[in-house]
Amino acid sequence: MDENKIIMLCQIVSKIIDENQLPDEDAVRKILEEKGKKEEYSKICLATVIEKELEKAIESGQICEEHVGLYKSVFEKMIRESEIGNMPASELSDMLIRKFVLQAEKTYEMDRTRLKCFTGMLQTGLNKMSEEDMLDFVPVKHAYKEYLGSESEIQYIHNPYTPEETERINEWIELHPGDIRGLALGLWFTGNITLMEIANLKKKDVHNGLFKKWERARFISKALKLHSQRGDYVFMVINGGQLEKFTPQGFMMKLYHICNKLGIKYRKINKDEAMVCKE
């Protein structure tokens, strides 16, 4: 008999002495099975659980076909190849999970689509492990909000405009490089960023991963050339002699006017909405 089973038997005998009860054979067997099951579960890692749950979600159609590649790439990079993702369940803790989420945030910076994919898979894995009694702690219910301190959760939406309408709007933006609000809308249409994030975008943040890509960097570059080097924000305008950052409402109004000029039905974009990009 191995050491672990001896320990379990000693614990059972101790319990019998303490409670002055003598359980029958079936009760002893049940206790041993439950303890053995918990011990086996404690060796399973997050990556294994998440991979199984991801496969189920894909097979059931919970994850649409166009987003499968996105989820798989995030899983491979941030979960399967990570140290925390491969730790036995018995070694996990709330502190380590928090560290795991912050590592992902640093990796993806402002790429909120992939960050949401990561936290979504992580949450599913933690919920499953908690349900199977694999963890020695109670996981949070909303990893994204609770660990990243998001004041308002980003709402990911599909482009509310048709491909033809989007092309015409982008053409208008390209023909008006001196319109800073138009440039901001062009940045929004590249995806993965909200109007609020654009309004709050500071010059010191334009060198992170999201804005290094050419389709985004060109809007940033043009915007920076339109006003003086004063001010902390990328999208600013002179109002009453003062340099001020724009508001999401200003961007919405600009989109409304562009749609009117082009004969396109205006569809509102809320300040907390970001357009999901295909992989």
C-alpha atoms as a PDB file:
ATOM      1  CA  MET A   1       0.000   0.000   0.000  1.00  0.00           C
ATOM      2  CA  ASP A   2       1.463   3.375  -0.986  1.00  0.00           C
ATOM      3  CA  GLU A   3       2.049   6.212   1.448  1.00  0.00           C
ATOM      4  CA  ASN A   4      -0.962   8.279   0.343  1.00  0.00           C
ATOM      5  CA  LYS A   5      -3.437   5.447   0.933  1.00  0.00           C
ATOM      6  CA  ILE A   6      -1.938   4.785   4.368  1.00  0.00           C
ATOM      7  CA  ILE A   7      -2.433   8.461   5.216  1.00  0.00           C
ATOM      8  CA  MET A   8      -6.042   8.320   4.044  1.00  0.00           C
ATOM      9  CA  LEU A   9      -6.749   5.216   6.127  1.00  0.00           C
ATOM     10  CA  CYS A  10      -5.222   6.848   9.180  1.00  0.00           C
ATOM     11  CA  GLN A  11      -7.466   9.852   8.643  1.00  0.00           C
ATOM     12  CA  ILE A  12     -10.527   7.599   8.405  1.00  0.00           C
ATOM     13  CA  VAL A  13      -9.611   5.717  11.589  1.00  0.00           C
ATOM     14  CA  SER A  14      -9.022   9.015  13.365  1.00  0.00           C
ATOM     15  CA  LYS A  15     -12.435  10.230  12.267  1.00  0.00           C
ATOM     16  CA  ILE A  16     -14.086   7.020  13.545  1.00  0.00           C
ATOM     17  CA  ILE A  17     -12.408   7.400  16.950  1.00  0.00           C
ATOM     18  CA  ASP A  18     -13.316  11.073  17.209  1.00  0.00           C
ATOM     19  CA  GLU A  19     -16.967  10.522  16.280  1.00  0.00           C
ATOM     20  CA  ASN A  20     -17.288   7.151  18.067  1.00  0.00           C
ATOM     21  CA  GLN A  21     -18.885   5.693  14.933  1.00  0.00           C
ATOM     22  CA  LEU A  22     -18.070   2.565  12.976  1.00  0.00           C
ATOM     23  CA  PRO A  23     -18.987   2.958   9.293  1.00  0.00           C
ATOM     24  CA  ASP A  24     -19.801  -0.085   7.156  1.00  0.00           C
ATOM     25  CA  GLU A  25     -17.634  -1.346   4.302  1.00  0.00           C
ATOM     26  CA  ASP A  26     -19.504   0.653   1.639  1.00  0.00           C
ATOM     27  CA  ALA A  27     -19.058   3.874   3.600  1.00  0.00           C
ATOM     28  CA  VAL A  28     -15.312   3.272   3.949  1.00  0.00           C
ATOM     29  CA  ARG A  29     -15.041   2.492   0.245  1.00  0.00           C
ATOM     30  CA  LYS A  30     -16.939   5.686  -0.627  1.00  0.00           C
ATOM     31  CA  ILE A  31     -14.630   7.800   1.536  1.00  0.00           C
ATOM     32  CA  LEU A  32     -11.566   6.230  -0.076  1.00  0.00           C
ATOM     33  CA  GLU A  33     -12.962   6.764  -3.576  1.00  0.00           C
ATOM     34  CA  GLU A  34     -13.812  10.388  -2.903  1.00  0.00           C
ATOM     35  CA  LYS A  35     -10.382  11.097  -1.445  1.00  0.00           C
ATOM     36  CA  GLY A  36      -8.693   9.261  -4.305  1.00  0.00           C
ATOM     37  CA  LYS A  37     -10.747  11.188  -6.841  1.00  0.00           C
ATOM     38  CA  LYS A  38      -9.854  14.528  -5.247  1.00  0.00           C
ATOM     39  CA  GLU A  39      -6.180  13.572  -5.176  1.00  0.00           C
ATOM     40  CA  GLU A  40      -6.318  12.635  -8.870  1.00  0.00           C
ATOM     41  CA  TYR A  41      -8.154  15.857  -9.760  1.00  0.00           C
ATOM     42  CA  SER A  42      -5.598  17.959  -7.890  1.00  0.00           C
ATOM     43  CA  LYS A  43      -2.944  16.893 -10.433  1.00  0.00           C
ATOM     44  CA  ILE A  44      -4.956  18.110 -13.449  1.00  0.00           C
ATOM     45  CA  CYS A  45      -3.889  21.483 -14.858  1.00  0.00           C
ATOM     46  CA  LEU A  46      -5.829  24.457 -16.219  1.00  0.00           C
ATOM     47  CA  ALA A  47      -4.615  23.918 -19.779  1.00  0.00           C
ATOM     48  CA  THR A  48      -6.071  20.394 -19.887  1.00  0.00           C
ATOM     49  CA  VAL A  49      -9.453  21.490 -18.555  1.00  0.00           C
ATOM     50  CA  ILE A  50      -9.666  24.582 -20.767  1.00  0.00           C
ATOM     51  CA  GLU A  51      -8.713  22.614 -23.880  1.00  0.00           C
ATOM     52  CA  LYS A  52     -11.551  20.135 -23.279  1.00  0.00           C
ATOM     53  CA  GLU A  53     -14.059  22.916 -22.629  1.00  0.00           C
ATOM     54  CA  LEU A  54     -12.875  24.776 -25.730  1.00  0.00           C
ATOM     55  CA  GLU A  55     -13.388  21.660 -27.868  1.00  0.00           C
ATOM     56  CA  LYS A  56     -16.911  21.297 -26.482  1.00  0.00           C
ATOM     57  CA  ALA A  57     -17.708  24.939 -27.231  1.00  0.00           C
ATOM     58  CA  ILE A  58     -16.457  24.608 -30.816  1.00  0.00           C
ATOM     59  CA  GLU A  59     -18.322  21.345 -31.454  1.00  0.00           C
ATOM     60  CA  SER A  60     -21.570  22.725 -30.037  1.00  0.00           C
ATOM     61  CA  GLY A  61     -21.319  25.913 -32.081  1.00  0.00           C
ATOM     62  CA  GLN A  62     -20.977  28.216 -29.065  1.00  0.00           C
ATOM     63  CA  ILE A  63     -17.909  29.634 -30.774  1.00  0.00           C
ATOM     64  CA  CYS A  64     -18.693  30.549 -34.365  1.00  0.00           C
ATOM     65  CA  GLU A  65     -16.433  29.184 -37.078  1.00  0.00           C
ATOM     66  CA  GLU A  66     -14.883  32.552 -37.968  1.00  0.00           C
ATOM     67  CA  HIS A  67     -13.613  32.975 -34.378  1.00  0.00           C
ATOM     68  CA  VAL A  68     -12.241  29.455 -33.838  1.00  0.00           C
ATOM     69  CA  GLY A  69      -8.776  30.423 -35.067  1.00  0.00           C
ATOM     70  CA  LEU A  70      -8.689  33.386 -32.692  1.00  0.00           C
ATOM     71  CA  TYR A  71      -9.550  31.274 -29.642  1.00  0.00           C
ATOM     72  CA  LYS A  72      -7.074  28.538 -30.577  1.00  0.00           C
ATOM     73  CA  SER A  73      -4.208  30.975 -31.121  1.00  0.00           C
ATOM     74  CA  VAL A  74      -4.825  32.619 -27.731  1.00  0.00           C
ATOM     75  CA  PHE A  75      -5.073  29.218 -26.060  1.00  0.00           C
ATOM     76  CA  GLU A  76      -1.773  28.017 -27.540  1.00  0.00           C
ATOM     77  CA  LYS A  77       0.158  31.200 -26.767  1.00  0.00           C
ATOM     78  CA  MET A  78      -1.168  32.179 -23.352  1.00  0.00           C
ATOM     79  CA  ILE A  79      -2.413  28.942 -21.780  1.00  0.00           C
ATOM     80  CA  ARG A  80      -0.841  25.789 -23.206  1.00  0.00           C
ATOM     81  CA  GLU A  81       2.668  27.262 -23.264  1.00  0.00           C
ATOM     82  CA  SER A  82       2.414  29.024 -19.886  1.00  0.00           C
ATOM     83  CA  GLU A  83       3.798  27.974 -16.520  1.00  0.00           C
ATOM     84  CA  ILE A  84       0.616  28.747 -14.594  1.00  0.00           C
ATOM     85  CA  GLY A  85      -1.567  27.047 -17.196  1.00  0.00           C
ATOM     86  CA  ASN A  86       0.362  23.808 -16.633  1.00  0.00           C
ATOM     87  CA  MET A  87       0.476  23.885 -12.829  1.00  0.00           C
ATOM     88  CA  PRO A  88      -1.389  21.112 -10.956  1.00  0.00           C
ATOM     89  CA  ALA A  89      -4.763  22.301  -9.667  1.00  0.00           C
ATOM     90  CA  SER A  90      -3.593  21.791  -6.078  1.00  0.00           C
ATOM     91  CA  GLU A  91      -0.907  24.483  -6.554  1.00  0.00           C
ATOM     92  CA  LEU A  92      -3.202  27.159  -7.969  1.00  0.00           C
ATOM     93  CA  SER A  93      -4.323  30.125  -5.891  1.00  0.00           C
ATOM     94  CA  ASP A  94      -6.226  33.370  -6.318  1.00  0.00           C
ATOM     95  CA  MET A  95      -2.916  35.258  -6.347  1.00  0.00           C
ATOM     96  CA  LEU A  96      -1.527  33.094  -9.169  1.00  0.00           C
ATOM     97  CA  ILE A  97      -4.696  33.486 -11.239  1.00  0.00           C
ATOM     98  CA  ARG A  98      -4.498  37.255 -10.796  1.00  0.00           C
ATOM     99  CA  LYS A  99      -0.865  37.123 -11.944  1.00  0.00           C
ATOM    100  CA  PHE A 100      -1.918  35.004 -14.938  1.00  0.00           C
ATOM    101  CA  VAL A 101      -4.486  37.607 -16.061  1.00  0.00           C
ATOM    102  CA  LEU A 102      -2.018  40.471 -15.652  1.00  0.00           C
ATOM    103  CA  GLN A 103       0.537  38.554 -17.742  1.00  0.00           C
ATOM    104  CA  ALA A 104      -2.044  38.262 -20.504  1.00  0.00           C
ATOM    105  CA  GLU A 105      -2.860  41.968 -20.257  1.00  0.00           C
ATOM    106  CA  LYS A 106       0.830  42.816 -20.658  1.00  0.00           C
ATOM    107  CA  THR A 107       1.147  40.476 -23.654  1.00  0.00           C
ATOM    108  CA  TYR A 108      -1.905  41.771 -25.498  1.00  0.00           C
ATOM    109  CA  GLU A 109      -1.691  45.367 -24.230  1.00  0.00           C
ATOM    110  CA  MET A 110      -4.749  47.079 -25.792  1.00  0.00           C
ATOM    111  CA  ASP A 111      -5.759  44.115 -27.956  1.00  0.00           C
ATOM    112  CA  ARG A 112      -8.964  43.648 -25.952  1.00  0.00           C
ATOM    113  CA  THR A 113     -10.407  41.027 -28.283  1.00  0.00           C
ATOM    114  CA  ARG A 114      -7.668  38.516 -27.461  1.00  0.00           C
ATOM    115  CA  LEU A 115      -7.639  39.548 -23.810  1.00  0.00           C
ATOM    116  CA  LYS A 116     -11.375  38.864 -23.614  1.00  0.00           C
ATOM    117  CA  CYS A 117     -10.852  35.490 -25.302  1.00  0.00           C
ATOM    118  CA  PHE A 118      -8.208  34.628 -22.718  1.00  0.00           C
ATOM    119  CA  THR A 119     -10.223  35.663 -19.668  1.00  0.00           C
ATOM    120  CA  GLY A 120     -13.311  33.955 -21.069  1.00  0.00           C
ATOM    121  CA  MET A 121     -11.499  30.631 -21.460  1.00  0.00           C
ATOM    122  CA  LEU A 122      -9.815  31.064 -18.083  1.00  0.00           C
ATOM    123  CA  GLN A 123     -13.168  31.707 -16.395  1.00  0.00           C
ATOM    124  CA  THR A 124     -14.700  28.635 -18.027  1.00  0.00           C
ATOM    125  CA  GLY A 125     -11.772  26.487 -16.887  1.00  0.00           C
ATOM    126  CA  LEU A 126     -11.868  27.791 -13.321  1.00  0.00           C
ATOM    127  CA  ASN A 127     -15.635  27.296 -13.114  1.00  0.00           C
ATOM    128  CA  LYS A 128     -15.285  23.698 -14.285  1.00  0.00           C
ATOM    129  CA  MET A 129     -12.469  22.951 -11.843  1.00  0.00           C
ATOM    130  CA  SER A 130     -14.438  24.515  -9.002  1.00  0.00           C
ATOM    131  CA  GLU A 131     -17.488  22.458  -9.961  1.00  0.00           C
ATOM    132  CA  GLU A 132     -15.381  19.277  -9.849  1.00  0.00           C
ATOM    133  CA  ASP A 133     -13.865  20.302  -6.494  1.00  0.00           C
ATOM    134  CA  MET A 134     -10.329  20.459  -7.917  1.00  0.00           C
ATOM    135  CA  LEU A 135      -9.386  23.815  -6.383  1.00  0.00           C
ATOM    136  CA  ASP A 136      -8.403  24.782  -2.863  1.00  0.00           C
ATOM    137  CA  PHE A 137      -9.837  28.290  -3.315  1.00  0.00           C
ATOM    138  CA  VAL A 138     -13.029  29.852  -4.647  1.00  0.00           C
ATOM    139  CA  PRO A 139     -12.383  31.523  -8.027  1.00  0.00           C
ATOM    140  CA  VAL A 140     -13.836  34.935  -8.840  1.00  0.00           C
ATOM    141  CA  LYS A 141     -16.990  35.067 -10.942  1.00  0.00           C
ATOM    142  CA  HIS A 142     -15.794  37.738 -13.385  1.00  0.00           C
ATOM    143  CA  ALA A 143     -12.036  37.470 -13.932  1.00  0.00           C
ATOM    144  CA  TYR A 144     -11.885  40.267 -16.519  1.00  0.00           C
ATOM    145  CA  LYS A 145     -13.602  42.918 -14.386  1.00  0.00           C
ATOM    146  CA  GLU A 146     -12.308  41.847 -10.984  1.00  0.00           C
ATOM    147  CA  TYR A 147      -8.645  41.376 -11.898  1.00  0.00           C
ATOM    148  CA  LEU A 148      -8.259  44.153 -14.467  1.00  0.00           C
ATOM    149  CA  GLY A 149     -10.393  46.660 -12.592  1.00  0.00           C
ATOM    150  CA  SER A 150     -12.505  47.558 -15.605  1.00  0.00           C
ATOM    151  CA  GLU A 151     -14.968  50.295 -14.678  1.00  0.00           C
ATOM    152  CA  SER A 152     -17.231  49.530 -17.603  1.00  0.00           C
ATOM    153  CA  GLU A 153     -16.985  46.331 -19.581  1.00  0.00           C
ATOM    154  CA  ILE A 154     -16.254  46.700 -23.281  1.00  0.00           C
ATOM    155  CA  GLN A 155     -19.097  45.579 -25.529  1.00  0.00           C
ATOM    156  CA  TYR A 156     -17.797  43.781 -28.620  1.00  0.00           C
ATOM    157  CA  ILE A 157     -20.053  44.185 -31.637  1.00  0.00           C
ATOM    158  CA  HIS A 158     -20.015  43.357 -35.319  1.00  0.00           C
ATOM    159  CA  ASN A 159     -19.707  46.240 -37.755  1.00  0.00           C
ATOM    160  CA  PRO A 160     -23.156  47.920 -37.839  1.00  0.00           C
ATOM    161  CA  TYR A 161     -22.475  49.101 -41.391  1.00  0.00           C
ATOM    162  CA  THR A 162     -22.399  46.934 -44.508  1.00  0.00           C
ATOM    163  CA  PRO A 163     -19.052  46.366 -46.290  1.00  0.00           C
ATOM    164  CA  GLU A 164     -20.152  48.774 -49.031  1.00  0.00           C
ATOM    165  CA  GLU A 165     -21.172  51.458 -46.521  1.00  0.00           C
ATOM    166  CA  THR A 166     -17.944  51.002 -44.573  1.00  0.00           C
ATOM    167  CA  GLU A 167     -15.917  51.400 -47.747  1.00  0.00           C
ATOM    168  CA  ARG A 168     -17.682  54.677 -48.581  1.00  0.00           C
ATOM    169  CA  ILE A 169     -17.179  56.013 -45.035  1.00  0.00           C
ATOM    170  CA  ASN A 170     -13.483  55.084 -45.169  1.00  0.00           C
ATOM    171  CA  GLU A 171     -13.162  56.767 -48.571  1.00  0.00           C
ATOM    172  CA  TRP A 172     -14.589  59.974 -47.099  1.00  0.00           C
ATOM    173  CA  ILE A 173     -12.098  59.774 -44.216  1.00  0.00           C
ATOM    174  CA  GLU A 174      -9.191  59.249 -46.636  1.00  0.00           C
ATOM    175  CA  LEU A 175     -10.292  62.277 -48.691  1.00  0.00           C
ATOM    176  CA  HIS A 176     -10.395  64.467 -45.555  1.00  0.00           C
ATOM    177  CA  PRO A 177      -7.049  63.870 -43.790  1.00  0.00           C
ATOM    178  CA  GLY A 178      -7.379  67.235 -42.034  1.00  0.00           C
ATOM    179  CA  ASP A 179     -10.538  66.205 -40.161  1.00  0.00           C
ATOM    180  CA  ILE A 180      -9.321  64.847 -36.830  1.00  0.00           C
ATOM    181  CA  ARG A 181     -12.731  63.499 -35.833  1.00  0.00           C
ATOM    182  CA  GLY A 182     -12.831  61.584 -39.097  1.00  0.00           C
ATOM    183  CA  LEU A 183      -9.415  60.126 -38.329  1.00  0.00           C
ATOM    184  CA  ALA A 184     -10.711  58.974 -34.953  1.00  0.00           C
ATOM    185  CA  LEU A 185     -13.612  57.193 -36.655  1.00  0.00           C
ATOM    186  CA  GLY A 186     -11.173  55.600 -39.088  1.00  0.00           C
ATOM    187  CA  LEU A 187      -9.269  54.244 -36.094  1.00  0.00           C
ATOM    188  CA  TRP A 188     -12.497  52.846 -34.613  1.00  0.00           C
ATOM    189  CA  PHE A 189     -13.293  51.001 -37.855  1.00  0.00           C
ATOM    190  CA  THR A 190      -9.964  49.141 -37.622  1.00  0.00           C
ATOM    191  CA  GLY A 191     -11.470  47.311 -34.641  1.00  0.00           C
ATOM    192  CA  ASN A 192     -10.653  46.298 -31.053  1.00  0.00           C
ATOM    193  CA  ILE A 193     -10.978  49.794 -29.588  1.00  0.00           C
ATOM    194  CA  THR A 194     -13.870  51.869 -28.226  1.00  0.00           C
ATOM    195  CA  LEU A 195     -14.647  55.541 -28.786  1.00  0.00           C
ATOM    196  CA  MET A 196     -13.922  56.126 -25.099  1.00  0.00           C
ATOM    197  CA  GLU A 197     -10.469  54.552 -25.433  1.00  0.00           C
ATOM    198  CA  ILE A 198      -9.784  56.665 -28.508  1.00  0.00           C
ATOM    199  CA  ALA A 199     -10.835  59.846 -26.683  1.00  0.00           C
ATOM    200  CA  ASN A 200      -8.553  58.935 -23.766  1.00  0.00           C
ATOM    201  CA  LEU A 201      -5.625  57.821 -25.922  1.00  0.00           C
ATOM    202  CA  LYS A 202      -2.446  59.535 -24.762  1.00  0.00           C
ATOM    203  CA  LYS A 203       0.643  60.186 -26.845  1.00  0.00           C
ATOM    204  CA  LYS A 204       2.755  58.050 -24.533  1.00  0.00           C
ATOM    205  CA  ASP A 205       0.569  55.014 -25.310  1.00  0.00           C
ATOM    206  CA  VAL A 206       0.775  55.060 -29.102  1.00  0.00           C
ATOM    207  CA  HIS A 207       3.816  52.800 -29.228  1.00  0.00           C
ATOM    208  CA  ASN A 208       2.101  49.715 -27.797  1.00  0.00           C
ATOM    209  CA  GLY A 209       1.177  46.636 -29.819  1.00  0.00           C
ATOM    210  CA  LEU A 210      -2.268  47.752 -30.938  1.00  0.00           C
ATOM    211  CA  PHE A 211      -1.105  50.967 -32.590  1.00  0.00           C
ATOM    212  CA  LYS A 212       2.094  49.666 -34.207  1.00  0.00           C
ATOM    213  CA  LYS A 213       0.076  47.970 -36.941  1.00  0.00           C
ATOM    214  CA  TRP A 214       0.045  50.053 -40.109  1.00  0.00           C
ATOM    215  CA  GLU A 215      -3.739  50.290 -40.508  1.00  0.00           C
ATOM    216  CA  ARG A 216      -3.949  51.926 -37.054  1.00  0.00           C
ATOM    217  CA  ALA A 217      -0.610  53.745 -36.995  1.00  0.00           C
ATOM    218  CA  ARG A 218      -1.480  55.818 -40.070  1.00  0.00           C
ATOM    219  CA  PHE A 219      -4.509  57.378 -38.337  1.00  0.00           C
ATOM    220  CA  ILE A 220      -2.445  58.111 -35.237  1.00  0.00           C
ATOM    221  CA  SER A 221       0.334  59.683 -37.290  1.00  0.00           C
ATOM    222  CA  LYS A 222      -2.043  61.950 -39.195  1.00  0.00           C
ATOM    223  CA  ALA A 223      -3.823  63.015 -35.994  1.00  0.00           C
ATOM    224  CA  LEU A 224      -0.571  63.987 -34.286  1.00  0.00           C
ATOM    225  CA  LYS A 225       0.344  66.228 -37.223  1.00  0.00           C
ATOM    226  CA  LEU A 226      -2.899  68.216 -37.001  1.00  0.00           C
ATOM    227  CA  HIS A 227      -2.228  70.001 -33.715  1.00  0.00           C
ATOM    228  CA  SER A 228       0.781  71.361 -31.895  1.00  0.00           C
ATOM    229  CA  GLN A 229       2.883  69.212 -29.610  1.00  0.00           C
ATOM    230  CA  ARG A 230       1.078  70.662 -26.592  1.00  0.00           C
ATOM    231  CA  GLY A 231      -1.292  68.424 -24.682  1.00  0.00           C
ATOM    232  CA  ASP A 232      -1.165  64.804 -23.603  1.00  0.00           C
ATOM    233  CA  TYR A 233      -3.804  63.319 -25.890  1.00  0.00           C
ATOM    234  CA  VAL A 234      -3.656  62.215 -29.527  1.00  0.00           C
ATOM    235  CA  PHE A 235      -7.080  63.468 -30.611  1.00  0.00           C
ATOM    236  CA  MET A 236      -7.326  67.125 -29.598  1.00  0.00           C
ATOM    237  CA  VAL A 237      -8.843  70.318 -30.991  1.00  0.00           C
ATOM    238  CA  ILE A 238      -8.619  74.005 -30.191  1.00  0.00           C
ATOM    239  CA  ASN A 239     -11.803  75.190 -28.513  1.00  0.00           C
ATOM    240  CA  GLY A 240     -12.034  78.838 -27.429  1.00  0.00           C
ATOM    241  CA  GLY A 241      -8.297  79.181 -27.727  1.00  0.00           C
ATOM    242  CA  GLN A 242      -7.717  76.142 -25.533  1.00  0.00           C
ATOM    243  CA  LEU A 243      -6.455  72.751 -26.684  1.00  0.00           C
ATOM    244  CA  GLU A 244      -8.922  70.088 -25.514  1.00  0.00           C
ATOM    245  CA  LYS A 245      -9.281  66.370 -26.030  1.00  0.00           C
ATOM    246  CA  PHE A 246     -12.326  65.148 -27.926  1.00  0.00           C
ATOM    247  CA  THR A 247     -15.277  63.375 -26.407  1.00  0.00           C
ATOM    248  CA  PRO A 248     -16.979  60.194 -27.669  1.00  0.00           C
ATOM    249  CA  GLN A 249     -20.091  62.294 -28.307  1.00  0.00           C
ATOM    250  CA  GLY A 250     -18.092  64.430 -30.739  1.00  0.00           C
ATOM    251  CA  PHE A 251     -17.085  61.341 -32.688  1.00  0.00           C
ATOM    252  CA  MET A 252     -20.695  60.119 -32.806  1.00  0.00           C
ATOM    253  CA  MET A 253     -21.858  63.475 -34.181  1.00  0.00           C
ATOM    254  CA  LYS A 254     -19.144  63.347 -36.835  1.00  0.00           C
ATOM    255  CA  LEU A 255     -20.286  59.909 -37.967  1.00  0.00           C
ATOM    256  CA  TYR A 256     -23.862  61.200 -38.137  1.00  0.00           C
ATOM    257  CA  HIS A 257     -22.834  64.069 -40.443  1.00  0.00           C
ATOM    258  CA  ILE A 258     -20.689  61.816 -42.659  1.00  0.00           C
ATOM    259  CA  CYS A 259     -23.611  59.406 -43.091  1.00  0.00           C
ATOM    260  CA  ASN A 260     -25.932  62.293 -44.000  1.00  0.00           C
ATOM    261  CA  LYS A 261     -23.505  63.540 -46.655  1.00  0.00           C
ATOM    262  CA  LEU A 262     -23.141  60.073 -48.139  1.00  0.00           C
ATOM    263  CA  GLY A 263     -26.818  59.152 -48.001  1.00  0.00           C
ATOM    264  CA  ILE A 264     -26.171  56.288 -45.581  1.00  0.00           C
ATOM    265  CA  LYS A 265     -28.551  55.410 -42.754  1.00  0.00           C
ATOM    266  CA  TYR A 266     -26.857  56.464 -39.513  1.00  0.00           C
ATOM    267  CA  ARG A 267     -26.369  53.687 -36.951  1.00  0.00           C
ATOM    268  CA  LYS A 268     -25.162  54.835 -33.555  1.00  0.00           C
ATOM    269  CA  ILE A 269     -21.958  53.489 -32.025  1.00  0.00           C
ATOM    270  CA  ASN A 270     -21.896  53.650 -28.243  1.00  0.00           C
ATOM    271  CA  LYS A 271     -18.798  54.904 -26.436  1.00  0.00           C
ATOM    272  CA  ASP A 272     -18.107  51.476 -24.847  1.00  0.00           C
ATOM    273  CA  GLU A 273     -18.466  49.452 -28.066  1.00  0.00           C
ATOM    274  CA  ALA A 274     -15.542  48.010 -30.021  1.00  0.00           C
ATOM    275  CA  MET A 275     -15.794  46.246 -33.337  1.00  0.00           C
ATOM    276  CA  VAL A 276     -14.675  42.627 -33.363  1.00  0.00           C
ATOM    277  CA  CYS A 277     -12.036  41.908 -36.002  1.00  0.00           C
ATOM    278  CA  LYS A 278     -11.718  38.617 -37.792  1.00  0.00           C
ATOM    279  CA  GLU A 279      -8.601  36.560 -37.210  1.00  0.00           C
END
